[in-house]
Amino acid sequence: MLLALLITNPAGNILIERFNGVPSEERSHWRSFLLKLGAENSKAAKSEELFVAHHKSVFVVYTLLGDVTIFTLGKDDYDELGLSEIIRTVTASIKDVCEKPPSERRFLDKYGRICLSLDEIFWKGLMETNDRDRVKRLVKLKPPTEL
């Protein structure tokens, strides 16, 4: 299950946060853990370089894309490989919506479409699709298949 997706700016402010099956009392622990982890490792990171961590039987995969950092948490079927597939799909979708690696301002300008594309990629902790073209069509509110 995909437990969480967090997207933060360089200052560590959370831009998007989605938790699935994580009790509310544990969410602040995960937020602070991820922000600390990202601050330590993203200083010398290249854009779209994947980082992997493991904490409390939960897998963490995160990357830097433009000015934003994307974190994914998963367990069971969503191990490092599954999370890396999700994070690649999310980064491709954000680049499609923003038309390039986003600055914080561009990310916030396109916030609605980014949230819509995230809704198409996964739902209730399960990956729905990783097809980039399908996500692009659905974000434009067009039918997924041509009749």
C-alpha atoms as a PDB file:
ATOM      1  CA  MET A   1       0.000   0.000   0.000  1.00  0.00           C
ATOM      2  CA  LEU A   2       1.146   3.504  -0.780  1.00  0.00           C
ATOM      3  CA  LEU A   3       1.079   5.112   2.653  1.00  0.00           C
ATOM      4  CA  ALA A   4       1.873   8.697   1.741  1.00  0.00           C
ATOM      5  CA  LEU A   5       2.905  11.155  -0.924  1.00  0.00           C
ATOM      6  CA  LEU A   6       4.375  14.482   0.172  1.00  0.00           C
ATOM      7  CA  ILE A   7       5.631  17.294  -2.015  1.00  0.00           C
ATOM      8  CA  THR A   8       7.638  20.049  -0.344  1.00  0.00           C
ATOM      9  CA  ASN A   9       9.374  23.271  -1.330  1.00  0.00           C
ATOM     10  CA  PRO A  10      13.076  24.014  -0.599  1.00  0.00           C
ATOM     11  CA  ALA A  11      12.193  25.647   2.728  1.00  0.00           C
ATOM     12  CA  GLY A  12      10.511  22.439   3.908  1.00  0.00           C
ATOM     13  CA  ASN A  13       6.928  23.662   3.620  1.00  0.00           C
ATOM     14  CA  ILE A  14       4.486  20.989   2.496  1.00  0.00           C
ATOM     15  CA  LEU A  15       2.768  21.812  -0.789  1.00  0.00           C
ATOM     16  CA  ILE A  16       0.818  18.556  -1.211  1.00  0.00           C
ATOM     17  CA  GLU A  17       0.237  15.864   1.371  1.00  0.00           C
ATOM     18  CA  ARG A  18      -1.724  12.648   0.925  1.00  0.00           C
ATOM     19  CA  PHE A  19      -1.848   9.941   3.573  1.00  0.00           C
ATOM     20  CA  ASN A  20      -3.553   6.552   3.190  1.00  0.00           C
ATOM     21  CA  GLY A  21      -4.038   4.281   6.173  1.00  0.00           C
ATOM     22  CA  VAL A  22      -1.724   6.267   8.447  1.00  0.00           C
ATOM     23  CA  PRO A  23      -3.264   7.199  11.814  1.00  0.00           C
ATOM     24  CA  SER A  24      -3.436  10.940  12.411  1.00  0.00           C
ATOM     25  CA  GLU A  25      -1.188  10.728  15.476  1.00  0.00           C
ATOM     26  CA  GLU A  26       1.624   9.227  13.357  1.00  0.00           C
ATOM     27  CA  ARG A  27       1.418  11.756  10.538  1.00  0.00           C
ATOM     28  CA  SER A  28       3.425  14.469  12.325  1.00  0.00           C
ATOM     29  CA  HIS A  29       6.187  11.914  12.990  1.00  0.00           C
ATOM     30  CA  TRP A  30       6.371  11.050   9.289  1.00  0.00           C
ATOM     31  CA  ARG A  31       6.290  14.716   8.250  1.00  0.00           C
ATOM     32  CA  SER A  32       9.212  15.644  10.481  1.00  0.00           C
ATOM     33  CA  PHE A  33      11.154  12.496   9.541  1.00  0.00           C
ATOM     34  CA  LEU A  34      10.781  13.145   5.815  1.00  0.00           C
ATOM     35  CA  LEU A  35      11.634  16.831   6.054  1.00  0.00           C
ATOM     36  CA  LYS A  36      14.767  16.034   8.047  1.00  0.00           C
ATOM     37  CA  LEU A  37      15.726  13.259   5.629  1.00  0.00           C
ATOM     38  CA  GLY A  38      15.218  15.495   2.613  1.00  0.00           C
ATOM     39  CA  ALA A  39      17.145  18.406   4.129  1.00  0.00           C
ATOM     40  CA  GLU A  40      20.152  16.200   4.830  1.00  0.00           C
ATOM     41  CA  ASN A  41      20.405  14.576   1.421  1.00  0.00           C
ATOM     42  CA  SER A  42      19.024  16.993  -1.148  1.00  0.00           C
ATOM     43  CA  LYS A  43      21.783  19.610  -0.882  1.00  0.00           C
ATOM     44  CA  ALA A  44      24.056  17.873  -3.388  1.00  0.00           C
ATOM     45  CA  ALA A  45      21.299  16.026  -5.241  1.00  0.00           C
ATOM     46  CA  LYS A  46      20.763  16.142  -8.961  1.00  0.00           C
ATOM     47  CA  SER A  47      17.288  16.628 -10.346  1.00  0.00           C
ATOM     48  CA  GLU A  48      15.306  13.362 -10.583  1.00  0.00           C
ATOM     49  CA  GLU A  49      17.970  11.357  -8.741  1.00  0.00           C
ATOM     50  CA  LEU A  50      16.178   8.769  -6.602  1.00  0.00           C
ATOM     51  CA  PHE A  51      17.004   8.293  -2.925  1.00  0.00           C
ATOM     52  CA  VAL A  52      15.895   5.268  -0.928  1.00  0.00           C
ATOM     53  CA  ALA A  53      15.458   4.863   2.838  1.00  0.00           C
ATOM     54  CA  HIS A  54      13.838   2.393   5.202  1.00  0.00           C
ATOM     55  CA  HIS A  55      12.274   3.271   8.554  1.00  0.00           C
ATOM     56  CA  LYS A  56       9.962   1.247  10.830  1.00  0.00           C
ATOM     57  CA  SER A  57       9.304  -1.409   8.131  1.00  0.00           C
ATOM     58  CA  VAL A  58       8.253   1.352   5.731  1.00  0.00           C
ATOM     59  CA  PHE A  59      10.073   2.065   2.489  1.00  0.00           C
ATOM     60  CA  VAL A  60      10.788   5.655   1.480  1.00  0.00           C
ATOM     61  CA  VAL A  61      11.745   6.798  -2.018  1.00  0.00           C
ATOM     62  CA  TYR A  62      12.210  10.474  -2.755  1.00  0.00           C
ATOM     63  CA  THR A  63      13.610  12.760  -5.423  1.00  0.00           C
ATOM     64  CA  LEU A  64      14.227  16.389  -6.204  1.00  0.00           C
ATOM     65  CA  LEU A  65      12.392  17.855  -9.217  1.00  0.00           C
ATOM     66  CA  GLY A  66      13.153  21.489  -9.938  1.00  0.00           C
ATOM     67  CA  ASP A  67      12.408  23.360  -6.713  1.00  0.00           C
ATOM     68  CA  VAL A  68      10.212  20.671  -5.174  1.00  0.00           C
ATOM     69  CA  THR A  69      11.012  17.435  -3.377  1.00  0.00           C
ATOM     70  CA  ILE A  70       8.690  14.469  -3.817  1.00  0.00           C
ATOM     71  CA  PHE A  71       8.471  11.788  -1.096  1.00  0.00           C
ATOM     72  CA  THR A  72       6.643   8.452  -1.313  1.00  0.00           C
ATOM     73  CA  LEU A  73       6.125   5.982   1.547  1.00  0.00           C
ATOM     74  CA  GLY A  74       4.971   2.413   1.110  1.00  0.00           C
ATOM     75  CA  LYS A  75       4.925  -1.037   2.576  1.00  0.00           C
ATOM     76  CA  ASP A  76       4.083  -4.588   1.533  1.00  0.00           C
ATOM     77  CA  ASP A  77       3.804  -4.608  -2.293  1.00  0.00           C
ATOM     78  CA  TYR A  78       5.039  -1.028  -2.549  1.00  0.00           C
ATOM     79  CA  ASP A  79       8.698  -1.592  -1.822  1.00  0.00           C
ATOM     80  CA  GLU A  80      11.576   0.397  -3.339  1.00  0.00           C
ATOM     81  CA  LEU A  81      10.818  -0.806  -6.857  1.00  0.00           C
ATOM     82  CA  GLY A  82       7.097  -0.084  -6.662  1.00  0.00           C
ATOM     83  CA  LEU A  83       7.663   3.334  -5.129  1.00  0.00           C
ATOM     84  CA  SER A  84      10.257   4.225  -7.761  1.00  0.00           C
ATOM     85  CA  GLU A  85       7.672   3.419 -10.455  1.00  0.00           C
ATOM     86  CA  ILE A  86       5.132   5.665  -8.725  1.00  0.00           C
ATOM     87  CA  ILE A  87       7.627   8.494  -8.286  1.00  0.00           C
ATOM     88  CA  ARG A  88       8.652   8.313 -11.951  1.00  0.00           C
ATOM     89  CA  THR A  89       5.023   8.540 -12.994  1.00  0.00           C
ATOM     90  CA  VAL A  90       4.410  11.465 -10.626  1.00  0.00           C
ATOM     91  CA  THR A  91       7.503  13.365 -11.820  1.00  0.00           C
ATOM     92  CA  ALA A  92       6.575  12.790 -15.480  1.00  0.00           C
ATOM     93  CA  SER A  93       3.059  14.019 -14.779  1.00  0.00           C
ATOM     94  CA  ILE A  94       4.282  17.139 -12.978  1.00  0.00           C
ATOM     95  CA  LYS A  95       6.692  17.903 -15.817  1.00  0.00           C
ATOM     96  CA  ASP A  96       3.857  17.471 -18.338  1.00  0.00           C
ATOM     97  CA  VAL A  97       1.576  19.810 -16.413  1.00  0.00           C
ATOM     98  CA  CYS A  98       4.278  22.415 -15.715  1.00  0.00           C
ATOM     99  CA  GLU A  99       5.933  21.893 -19.137  1.00  0.00           C
ATOM    100  CA  LYS A 100       9.375  21.713 -17.479  1.00  0.00           C
ATOM    101  CA  PRO A 101      10.863  20.942 -14.049  1.00  0.00           C
ATOM    102  CA  PRO A 102       8.853  23.251 -11.808  1.00  0.00           C
ATOM    103  CA  SER A 103       9.862  26.209  -9.757  1.00  0.00           C
ATOM    104  CA  GLU A 104       7.782  26.663  -6.623  1.00  0.00           C
ATOM    105  CA  ARG A 105       5.786  29.460  -8.245  1.00  0.00           C
ATOM    106  CA  ARG A 106       5.042  27.436 -11.381  1.00  0.00           C
ATOM    107  CA  PHE A 107       4.069  24.452  -9.229  1.00  0.00           C
ATOM    108  CA  LEU A 108       1.580  26.564  -7.270  1.00  0.00           C
ATOM    109  CA  ASP A 109       0.222  28.107 -10.488  1.00  0.00           C
ATOM    110  CA  LYS A 110      -0.533  24.600 -11.815  1.00  0.00           C
ATOM    111  CA  TYR A 111      -1.641  23.209  -8.429  1.00  0.00           C
ATOM    112  CA  GLY A 112      -5.141  22.179  -9.516  1.00  0.00           C
ATOM    113  CA  ARG A 113      -3.996  20.190 -12.541  1.00  0.00           C
ATOM    114  CA  ILE A 114      -1.228  18.550 -10.524  1.00  0.00           C
ATOM    115  CA  CYS A 115      -3.747  17.401  -7.904  1.00  0.00           C
ATOM    116  CA  LEU A 116      -6.010  16.116 -10.660  1.00  0.00           C
ATOM    117  CA  SER A 117      -3.166  14.126 -12.208  1.00  0.00           C
ATOM    118  CA  LEU A 118      -2.249  12.659  -8.806  1.00  0.00           C
ATOM    119  CA  ASP A 119      -5.869  11.549  -8.416  1.00  0.00           C
ATOM    120  CA  GLU A 120      -5.599   9.722 -11.739  1.00  0.00           C
ATOM    121  CA  ILE A 121      -2.292   8.037 -10.846  1.00  0.00           C
ATOM    122  CA  PHE A 122      -3.315   6.553  -7.498  1.00  0.00           C
ATOM    123  CA  TRP A 123      -6.423   6.214  -5.383  1.00  0.00           C
ATOM    124  CA  LYS A 124      -6.809   4.993  -1.776  1.00  0.00           C
ATOM    125  CA  GLY A 125      -3.195   3.859  -1.609  1.00  0.00           C
ATOM    126  CA  LEU A 126      -3.205   1.832  -4.829  1.00  0.00           C
ATOM    127  CA  MET A 127      -1.661   2.759  -8.145  1.00  0.00           C
ATOM    128  CA  GLU A 128      -4.362   3.140 -10.780  1.00  0.00           C
ATOM    129  CA  THR A 129      -2.258   3.874 -13.859  1.00  0.00           C
ATOM    130  CA  ASN A 130       1.289   4.631 -14.855  1.00  0.00           C
ATOM    131  CA  ASP A 131       0.495   5.411 -18.489  1.00  0.00           C
ATOM    132  CA  ARG A 132       1.687   8.953 -19.112  1.00  0.00           C
ATOM    133  CA  ASP A 133      -0.567   9.553 -22.141  1.00  0.00           C
ATOM    134  CA  ARG A 134      -3.654   8.324 -20.305  1.00  0.00           C
ATOM    135  CA  VAL A 135      -2.974  10.668 -17.388  1.00  0.00           C
ATOM    136  CA  LYS A 136      -2.501  13.596 -19.793  1.00  0.00           C
ATOM    137  CA  ARG A 137      -5.851  12.847 -21.479  1.00  0.00           C
ATOM    138  CA  LEU A 138      -7.691  12.449 -18.181  1.00  0.00           C
ATOM    139  CA  VAL A 139      -6.282  15.700 -16.793  1.00  0.00           C
ATOM    140  CA  LYS A 140      -7.694  17.444 -19.859  1.00  0.00           C
ATOM    141  CA  LEU A 141     -11.017  15.797 -18.931  1.00  0.00           C
ATOM    142  CA  LYS A 142     -11.154  13.781 -22.148  1.00  0.00           C
ATOM    143  CA  PRO A 143     -12.312  10.160 -22.245  1.00  0.00           C
ATOM    144  CA  PRO A 144      -9.526   7.611 -21.662  1.00  0.00           C
ATOM    145  CA  THR A 145     -10.233   5.797 -24.950  1.00  0.00           C
ATOM    146  CA  GLU A 146     -11.369   7.072 -28.278  1.00  0.00           C
ATOM    147  CA  LEU A 147     -14.763   5.770 -29.458  1.00  0.00           C
END
